[in-house]
Amino acid sequence: MGITLELYKKRIKRIISEILEQNIDLKEIFDSPPFKTNFEFKEDQDYIYVSDFLDPQQNKIKIYFHKYNNQVYLLDFTINGYSGKAPNINYSLKQYATLLSTIGKAIDQFIKEYNPKAIKIEGEDSTEKINRGKEGQKINIYDYFINTIDVTPDYLVGDRKPDGSFSLIRKPKI
């Protein structure tokens, strides 16, 4: 099974606090407000998605919840139509944190509106990152990312993988 989202977030917040004590300049990055906080969902045969919206740099962002199976969804998002590294996009770390906060808000609203059995959040480091010695960054990014999701007592963090991927899993009704 997994650990409750609330307990996991407390653990991550403690780790972030320790990092911030040693590196005050990072505090602004971790307090990045989302680009957007309210979303209109649309449904298709294969996925539920957020209507396109623009970030302050006028990049088009789209958030998808792919129907995986039996109320299990796989999160994906694109910037200017690219799911991987989008060309000509140079987000600062703060802007990337803001993007993750935005996706966290979309997940919050998706959970409230659709009550999914699970949401899988995954990704692997690109070969480019591995070759540059930046392998494992996604683990740290996902740990920060999960901190942006509202605490809901009905979900657990589970299926944690070495690459940082995880699932939010609805607790079974007893």
C-alpha atoms as a PDB file:
ATOM      1  CA  MET A   1       0.000   0.000   0.000  1.00  0.00           C
ATOM      2  CA  GLY A   2       1.126   3.593   0.270  1.00  0.00           C
ATOM      3  CA  ILE A   3       1.552   6.424   2.696  1.00  0.00           C
ATOM      4  CA  THR A   4      -1.178   9.025   3.203  1.00  0.00           C
ATOM      5  CA  LEU A   5      -0.803  12.151   1.127  1.00  0.00           C
ATOM      6  CA  GLU A   6      -0.928  14.269   4.285  1.00  0.00           C
ATOM      7  CA  LEU A   7       1.919  12.358   5.973  1.00  0.00           C
ATOM      8  CA  TYR A   8       3.995  12.346   2.789  1.00  0.00           C
ATOM      9  CA  LYS A   9       3.551  16.106   2.354  1.00  0.00           C
ATOM     10  CA  LYS A  10       4.638  16.720   5.957  1.00  0.00           C
ATOM     11  CA  ARG A  11       7.799  14.714   5.298  1.00  0.00           C
ATOM     12  CA  ILE A  12       8.538  16.645   2.082  1.00  0.00           C
ATOM     13  CA  LYS A  13       7.839  20.019   3.762  1.00  0.00           C
ATOM     14  CA  ARG A  14      10.327  19.124   6.503  1.00  0.00           C
ATOM     15  CA  ILE A  15      12.977  18.286   3.901  1.00  0.00           C
ATOM     16  CA  ILE A  16      12.258  21.502   1.968  1.00  0.00           C
ATOM     17  CA  SER A  17      12.482  23.531   5.209  1.00  0.00           C
ATOM     18  CA  GLU A  18      15.897  22.016   5.942  1.00  0.00           C
ATOM     19  CA  ILE A  19      17.077  22.865   2.419  1.00  0.00           C
ATOM     20  CA  LEU A  20      15.756  26.430   2.700  1.00  0.00           C
ATOM     21  CA  GLU A  21      17.522  26.969   6.034  1.00  0.00           C
ATOM     22  CA  GLN A  22      20.805  26.305   4.236  1.00  0.00           C
ATOM     23  CA  ASN A  23      19.870  28.170   1.045  1.00  0.00           C
ATOM     24  CA  ILE A  24      17.652  31.215   1.710  1.00  0.00           C
ATOM     25  CA  ASP A  25      17.629  32.239  -1.986  1.00  0.00           C
ATOM     26  CA  LEU A  26      15.546  29.164  -2.839  1.00  0.00           C
ATOM     27  CA  LYS A  27      12.575  30.250  -0.698  1.00  0.00           C
ATOM     28  CA  GLU A  28      11.133  32.380  -3.508  1.00  0.00           C
ATOM     29  CA  ILE A  29      11.197  29.385  -5.865  1.00  0.00           C
ATOM     30  CA  PHE A  30       9.274  27.155  -3.474  1.00  0.00           C
ATOM     31  CA  ASP A  31       6.616  29.848  -2.954  1.00  0.00           C
ATOM     32  CA  SER A  32       5.773  30.177  -6.651  1.00  0.00           C
ATOM     33  CA  PRO A  33       2.038  30.793  -7.184  1.00  0.00           C
ATOM     34  CA  PRO A  34       0.357  28.954 -10.085  1.00  0.00           C
ATOM     35  CA  PHE A  35      -0.243  30.526 -13.495  1.00  0.00           C
ATOM     36  CA  LYS A  36      -3.906  29.584 -13.172  1.00  0.00           C
ATOM     37  CA  THR A  37      -6.099  28.166 -10.392  1.00  0.00           C
ATOM     38  CA  ASN A  38      -9.453  27.364 -11.999  1.00  0.00           C
ATOM     39  CA  PHE A  39      -9.837  25.014 -14.938  1.00  0.00           C
ATOM     40  CA  GLU A  40     -12.483  23.991 -17.431  1.00  0.00           C
ATOM     41  CA  PHE A  41     -12.311  20.268 -18.164  1.00  0.00           C
ATOM     42  CA  LYS A  42     -13.364  18.757 -21.475  1.00  0.00           C
ATOM     43  CA  GLU A  43     -13.867  15.079 -22.208  1.00  0.00           C
ATOM     44  CA  ASP A  44     -12.800  13.040 -25.185  1.00  0.00           C
ATOM     45  CA  GLN A  45     -12.965   9.303 -25.789  1.00  0.00           C
ATOM     46  CA  ASP A  46      -9.394   8.758 -24.590  1.00  0.00           C
ATOM     47  CA  TYR A  47      -8.813  11.527 -22.064  1.00  0.00           C
ATOM     48  CA  ILE A  48     -10.090  14.410 -20.004  1.00  0.00           C
ATOM     49  CA  TYR A  49      -8.192  17.616 -20.565  1.00  0.00           C
ATOM     50  CA  VAL A  50      -7.936  21.228 -19.516  1.00  0.00           C
ATOM     51  CA  SER A  51      -8.687  23.835 -22.152  1.00  0.00           C
ATOM     52  CA  ASP A  52      -5.497  25.407 -23.495  1.00  0.00           C
ATOM     53  CA  PHE A  53      -4.236  28.432 -21.597  1.00  0.00           C
ATOM     54  CA  LEU A  54      -1.216  30.711 -21.912  1.00  0.00           C
ATOM     55  CA  ASP A  55       1.566  31.308 -19.415  1.00  0.00           C
ATOM     56  CA  PRO A  56       2.932  34.875 -19.018  1.00  0.00           C
ATOM     57  CA  GLN A  57       5.436  34.207 -21.855  1.00  0.00           C
ATOM     58  CA  GLN A  58       2.509  33.280 -24.152  1.00  0.00           C
ATOM     59  CA  ASN A  59       3.419  29.574 -24.264  1.00  0.00           C
ATOM     60  CA  LYS A  60       0.358  27.358 -24.773  1.00  0.00           C
ATOM     61  CA  ILE A  61      -0.123  24.876 -21.922  1.00  0.00           C
ATOM     62  CA  LYS A  62      -2.471  21.914 -21.992  1.00  0.00           C
ATOM     63  CA  ILE A  63      -2.998  19.376 -19.192  1.00  0.00           C
ATOM     64  CA  TYR A  64      -4.294  15.879 -19.960  1.00  0.00           C
ATOM     65  CA  PHE A  65      -5.627  13.059 -17.825  1.00  0.00           C
ATOM     66  CA  HIS A  66      -5.368  10.035 -20.148  1.00  0.00           C
ATOM     67  CA  LYS A  67      -7.879   7.279 -19.419  1.00  0.00           C
ATOM     68  CA  TYR A  68      -5.648   4.380 -18.463  1.00  0.00           C
ATOM     69  CA  ASN A  69      -8.202   1.832 -17.253  1.00  0.00           C
ATOM     70  CA  ASN A  70     -11.138   1.583 -14.822  1.00  0.00           C
ATOM     71  CA  GLN A  71     -11.005   5.165 -13.434  1.00  0.00           C
ATOM     72  CA  VAL A  72      -7.198   5.238 -13.444  1.00  0.00           C
ATOM     73  CA  TYR A  73      -5.683   8.210 -15.278  1.00  0.00           C
ATOM     74  CA  LEU A  74      -2.193   9.087 -16.455  1.00  0.00           C
ATOM     75  CA  LEU A  75      -1.213  12.763 -16.099  1.00  0.00           C
ATOM     76  CA  ASP A  76       0.497  14.483 -19.006  1.00  0.00           C
ATOM     77  CA  PHE A  77       0.964  18.107 -19.981  1.00  0.00           C
ATOM     78  CA  THR A  78       2.302  19.879 -23.026  1.00  0.00           C
ATOM     79  CA  ILE A  79       3.947  23.227 -23.598  1.00  0.00           C
ATOM     80  CA  ASN A  80       3.395  24.494 -27.130  1.00  0.00           C
ATOM     81  CA  GLY A  81       2.336  20.971 -28.096  1.00  0.00           C
ATOM     82  CA  TYR A  82       5.459  19.231 -26.751  1.00  0.00           C
ATOM     83  CA  SER A  83       5.234  16.706 -23.945  1.00  0.00           C
ATOM     84  CA  GLY A  84       8.999  16.415 -23.603  1.00  0.00           C
ATOM     85  CA  LYS A  85      11.459  19.289 -23.815  1.00  0.00           C
ATOM     86  CA  ALA A  86       9.821  22.008 -25.865  1.00  0.00           C
ATOM     87  CA  PRO A  87      12.154  23.965 -28.164  1.00  0.00           C
ATOM     88  CA  ASN A  88      12.522  27.704 -27.566  1.00  0.00           C
ATOM     89  CA  ILE A  89      11.161  27.463 -24.010  1.00  0.00           C
ATOM     90  CA  ASN A  90      13.565  28.721 -21.404  1.00  0.00           C
ATOM     91  CA  TYR A  91      11.765  28.569 -18.093  1.00  0.00           C
ATOM     92  CA  SER A  92      13.708  29.644 -15.070  1.00  0.00           C
ATOM     93  CA  LEU A  93      13.539  27.341 -12.064  1.00  0.00           C
ATOM     94  CA  LYS A  94      10.909  29.669 -10.548  1.00  0.00           C
ATOM     95  CA  GLN A  95       8.785  29.545 -13.719  1.00  0.00           C
ATOM     96  CA  TYR A  96       9.057  25.756 -13.800  1.00  0.00           C
ATOM     97  CA  ALA A  97       7.978  25.628 -10.131  1.00  0.00           C
ATOM     98  CA  THR A  98       5.038  27.877 -11.091  1.00  0.00           C
ATOM     99  CA  LEU A  99       4.108  25.431 -13.874  1.00  0.00           C
ATOM    100  CA  LEU A 100       4.184  22.543 -11.391  1.00  0.00           C
ATOM    101  CA  SER A 101       2.019  24.528  -8.957  1.00  0.00           C
ATOM    102  CA  THR A 102      -0.440  25.074 -11.803  1.00  0.00           C
ATOM    103  CA  ILE A 103      -0.553  21.363 -12.620  1.00  0.00           C
ATOM    104  CA  GLY A 104      -1.013  20.630  -8.903  1.00  0.00           C
ATOM    105  CA  LYS A 105      -4.085  22.911  -8.864  1.00  0.00           C
ATOM    106  CA  ALA A 106      -5.463  21.120 -11.941  1.00  0.00           C
ATOM    107  CA  ILE A 107      -5.022  17.778 -10.153  1.00  0.00           C
ATOM    108  CA  ASP A 108      -6.825  19.153  -7.071  1.00  0.00           C
ATOM    109  CA  GLN A 109      -9.798  20.219  -9.168  1.00  0.00           C
ATOM    110  CA  PHE A 110      -9.747  16.972 -11.200  1.00  0.00           C
ATOM    111  CA  ILE A 111      -9.885  14.901  -7.993  1.00  0.00           C
ATOM    112  CA  LYS A 112     -12.834  16.949  -6.691  1.00  0.00           C
ATOM    113  CA  GLU A 113     -14.780  16.743  -9.951  1.00  0.00           C
ATOM    114  CA  TYR A 114     -13.996  13.190 -11.118  1.00  0.00           C
ATOM    115  CA  ASN A 115     -13.016  11.271  -7.940  1.00  0.00           C
ATOM    116  CA  PRO A 116     -10.635   8.970  -9.878  1.00  0.00           C
ATOM    117  CA  LYS A 117      -9.474   5.650  -8.487  1.00  0.00           C
ATOM    118  CA  ALA A 118      -5.865   6.723  -9.202  1.00  0.00           C
ATOM    119  CA  ILE A 119      -3.739   9.260 -11.057  1.00  0.00           C
ATOM    120  CA  LYS A 120      -0.357   8.036 -12.294  1.00  0.00           C
ATOM    121  CA  ILE A 121       2.345  10.707 -12.419  1.00  0.00           C
ATOM    122  CA  GLU A 122       5.449   9.460 -14.148  1.00  0.00           C
ATOM    123  CA  GLY A 123       8.314  10.237 -16.442  1.00  0.00           C
ATOM    124  CA  GLU A 124      11.849   9.183 -17.059  1.00  0.00           C
ATOM    125  CA  ASP A 125      14.984  11.245 -17.342  1.00  0.00           C
ATOM    126  CA  SER A 126      15.877  11.979 -20.939  1.00  0.00           C
ATOM    127  CA  THR A 127      19.063  10.555 -22.400  1.00  0.00           C
ATOM    128  CA  GLU A 128      20.283  14.153 -22.673  1.00  0.00           C
ATOM    129  CA  LYS A 129      19.952  14.663 -18.896  1.00  0.00           C
ATOM    130  CA  ILE A 130      21.637  11.340 -18.152  1.00  0.00           C
ATOM    131  CA  ASN A 131      24.564  12.256 -20.437  1.00  0.00           C
ATOM    132  CA  ARG A 132      24.948  15.664 -18.725  1.00  0.00           C
ATOM    133  CA  GLY A 133      25.073  14.042 -15.272  1.00  0.00           C
ATOM    134  CA  LYS A 134      21.641  15.349 -14.259  1.00  0.00           C
ATOM    135  CA  GLU A 135      20.009  11.954 -13.893  1.00  0.00           C
ATOM    136  CA  GLY A 136      17.587  11.757 -10.985  1.00  0.00           C
ATOM    137  CA  GLN A 137      16.399  15.369 -11.131  1.00  0.00           C
ATOM    138  CA  LYS A 138      12.839  14.192 -11.705  1.00  0.00           C
ATOM    139  CA  ILE A 139      12.836  12.508  -8.284  1.00  0.00           C
ATOM    140  CA  ASN A 140      13.487  15.878  -6.639  1.00  0.00           C
ATOM    141  CA  ILE A 141      11.027  17.659  -8.930  1.00  0.00           C
ATOM    142  CA  TYR A 142       8.279  15.133  -8.177  1.00  0.00           C
ATOM    143  CA  ASP A 143       8.936  15.429  -4.455  1.00  0.00           C
ATOM    144  CA  TYR A 144       8.451  19.189  -4.769  1.00  0.00           C
ATOM    145  CA  PHE A 145       5.483  18.696  -7.094  1.00  0.00           C
ATOM    146  CA  ILE A 146       3.551  16.491  -4.679  1.00  0.00           C
ATOM    147  CA  ASN A 147       3.895  19.282  -2.124  1.00  0.00           C
ATOM    148  CA  THR A 148       1.783  21.534  -4.397  1.00  0.00           C
ATOM    149  CA  ILE A 149      -1.239  19.201  -4.312  1.00  0.00           C
ATOM    150  CA  ASP A 150      -3.907  19.911  -1.689  1.00  0.00           C
ATOM    151  CA  VAL A 151      -4.152  17.401   1.136  1.00  0.00           C
ATOM    152  CA  THR A 152      -7.085  15.086   0.647  1.00  0.00           C
ATOM    153  CA  PRO A 153      -7.667  12.378   3.246  1.00  0.00           C
ATOM    154  CA  ASP A 154      -9.137  10.050   0.597  1.00  0.00           C
ATOM    155  CA  TYR A 155      -5.864   9.498  -1.317  1.00  0.00           C
ATOM    156  CA  LEU A 156      -2.550   7.774  -0.671  1.00  0.00           C
ATOM    157  CA  VAL A 157       0.816   8.187  -2.366  1.00  0.00           C
ATOM    158  CA  GLY A 158       1.704   4.791  -3.794  1.00  0.00           C
ATOM    159  CA  ASP A 159       3.530   2.975  -6.577  1.00  0.00           C
ATOM    160  CA  ARG A 160       6.634   5.047  -5.803  1.00  0.00           C
ATOM    161  CA  LYS A 161       9.405   4.170  -8.281  1.00  0.00           C
ATOM    162  CA  PRO A 162      13.161   4.915  -8.230  1.00  0.00           C
ATOM    163  CA  ASP A 163      12.740   7.503 -11.037  1.00  0.00           C
ATOM    164  CA  GLY A 164      10.410   9.570  -8.825  1.00  0.00           C
ATOM    165  CA  SER A 165       7.178   8.434 -10.471  1.00  0.00           C
ATOM    166  CA  PHE A 166       4.229   7.829  -8.174  1.00  0.00           C
ATOM    167  CA  SER A 167       0.464   7.432  -8.120  1.00  0.00           C
ATOM    168  CA  LEU A 168      -2.222   9.138  -6.095  1.00  0.00           C
ATOM    169  CA  ILE A 169      -4.497   6.248  -5.134  1.00  0.00           C
ATOM    170  CA  ARG A 170      -7.989   6.608  -3.674  1.00  0.00           C
ATOM    171  CA  LYS A 171      -8.296   4.737  -0.391  1.00  0.00           C
ATOM    172  CA  PRO A 172     -10.676   1.787  -0.555  1.00  0.00           C
ATOM    173  CA  LYS A 173     -13.988   2.291   1.257  1.00  0.00           C
ATOM    174  CA  ILE A 174     -14.221   0.056   4.306  1.00  0.00           C
END
